[in-house]
Amino acid sequence: MSIIRIHFEVWGHVQGVYFRNYIVEKANSLSIVGWCRNTSSGSVEIEAEGTKHNLDAFKEWLQYEGSPLSRVDNLIAKEISVKNNEKCMTRLKTLK
């Protein structure tokens, strides 16, 4: 199966609710690598790399499950260039 990379930006009640912790856990369970971080505008930004099947499942999870206290109001996903240099999903510091 070929590998693709998706840039996600997620808006709603997604900061201060352990959303990134759940992102890391879910992504790693789906063999998705990349990173996630909070932005200064209140969204969460994610770059995720894996199979299309697993990224589709991850996108659905982001939209409809997430962390127990999160609420997603909007999600944008755009395919970007594969990096092929990461071993897992990691949390980065907030983008300022």
Protein backbone atom coordinates (compact mmCIF):
# COMPACT_ATOMS: atom_id res chain seq x y z
CA MET A 1 0.00 0.00 0.00
CA SER A 2 1.26 3.47 -0.78
CA ILE A 3 1.89 6.06 1.92
CA ILE A 4 0.38 9.55 1.84
CA ARG A 5 0.64 12.57 4.16
CA ILE A 6 -2.26 14.81 5.16
CA HIS A 7 -2.15 18.24 6.80
CA PHE A 8 -5.17 18.70 9.10
CA GLU A 9 -6.36 21.79 10.91
CA VAL A 10 -9.11 21.27 13.46
CA TRP A 11 -11.24 24.00 15.07
CA GLY A 12 -13.70 23.89 17.93
CA HIS A 13 -13.19 23.06 21.60
CA VAL A 14 -9.89 21.28 20.93
CA GLN A 15 -7.39 22.92 23.29
CA GLY A 16 -7.19 22.21 27.02
CA VAL A 17 -9.13 18.94 26.64
CA TYR A 18 -6.23 16.47 26.11
CA PHE A 19 -7.06 16.36 22.40
CA ARG A 20 -3.39 16.09 21.37
CA ASN A 21 -2.76 13.25 23.84
CA TYR A 22 -5.64 11.32 22.28
CA ILE A 23 -4.37 12.19 18.78
CA VAL A 24 -0.97 10.66 19.57
CA GLU A 25 -2.56 7.53 21.04
CA LYS A 26 -4.98 7.03 18.13
CA ALA A 27 -2.40 7.78 15.43
CA ASN A 28 0.13 5.38 16.91
CA SER A 29 -2.55 2.66 17.13
CA LEU A 30 -3.18 3.13 13.39
CA SER A 31 0.55 3.16 12.49
CA ILE A 32 0.30 6.83 11.54
CA VAL A 33 3.37 9.02 12.05
CA GLY A 34 3.79 12.78 12.13
CA TRP A 35 3.13 15.54 14.62
CA CYS A 36 0.40 17.63 16.23
CA ARG A 37 0.43 21.01 17.96
CA ASN A 38 -1.84 23.73 19.25
CA THR A 39 -1.87 27.00 17.33
CA SER A 40 -2.11 30.48 18.80
CA SER A 41 -5.48 30.89 17.04
CA GLY A 42 -7.06 28.07 19.08
CA SER A 43 -6.96 25.29 16.50
CA VAL A 44 -4.95 22.07 16.46
CA GLU A 45 -2.66 21.46 13.50
CA ILE A 46 -1.65 17.92 12.52
CA GLU A 47 0.57 16.39 9.87
CA ALA A 48 -0.18 12.68 9.58
CA GLU A 49 1.45 10.09 7.33
CA GLY A 50 0.24 6.55 6.67
CA THR A 51 -1.91 4.49 4.35
CA LYS A 52 -5.01 6.10 2.84
CA HIS A 53 -7.18 3.55 4.65
CA ASN A 54 -5.67 4.40 8.05
CA LEU A 55 -5.73 8.15 7.40
CA ASP A 56 -9.42 7.94 6.42
CA ALA A 57 -10.11 6.18 9.74
CA PHE A 58 -8.03 8.80 11.58
CA LYS A 59 -9.93 11.67 9.91
CA GLU A 60 -13.26 10.15 10.88
CA TRP A 61 -12.02 9.66 14.45
CA LEU A 62 -10.88 13.32 14.57
CA GLN A 63 -14.27 14.56 13.35
CA TYR A 64 -16.58 12.37 15.43
CA GLU A 65 -14.69 11.09 18.50
CA GLY A 66 -11.48 12.83 19.55
CA SER A 67 -11.03 13.25 23.28
CA PRO A 68 -14.03 12.88 25.61
CA LEU A 69 -14.25 16.64 26.26
CA SER A 70 -13.43 17.89 22.75
CA ARG A 71 -15.85 19.19 20.14
CA VAL A 72 -14.85 19.61 16.51
CA ASP A 73 -16.65 22.38 14.64
CA ASN A 74 -14.54 22.37 11.48
CA LEU A 75 -11.79 20.23 9.97
CA ILE A 76 -9.75 20.89 6.84
CA ALA A 77 -7.59 18.16 5.33
CA LYS A 78 -5.11 18.63 2.48
CA GLU A 79 -2.70 16.10 0.99
CA ILE A 80 0.93 17.21 1.14
CA SER A 81 4.33 15.70 0.29
CA VAL A 82 5.39 12.55 2.13
CA LYS A 83 8.38 13.02 4.45
CA ASN A 84 9.22 9.39 5.31
CA ASN A 85 11.46 10.36 8.24
CA GLU A 86 9.32 9.89 11.37
CA LYS A 87 8.83 6.88 13.59
CA CYS A 88 5.68 7.86 15.52
CA MET A 89 3.16 10.64 16.14
CA THR A 90 4.56 13.33 18.45
CA ARG A 91 3.30 16.45 20.19
CA LEU A 92 5.09 19.67 19.33
CA LYS A 93 5.08 22.90 21.31
CA THR A 94 2.34 25.41 20.57
CA LEU A 95 2.86 27.43 17.41
CA LYS A 96 3.03 31.10 18.39
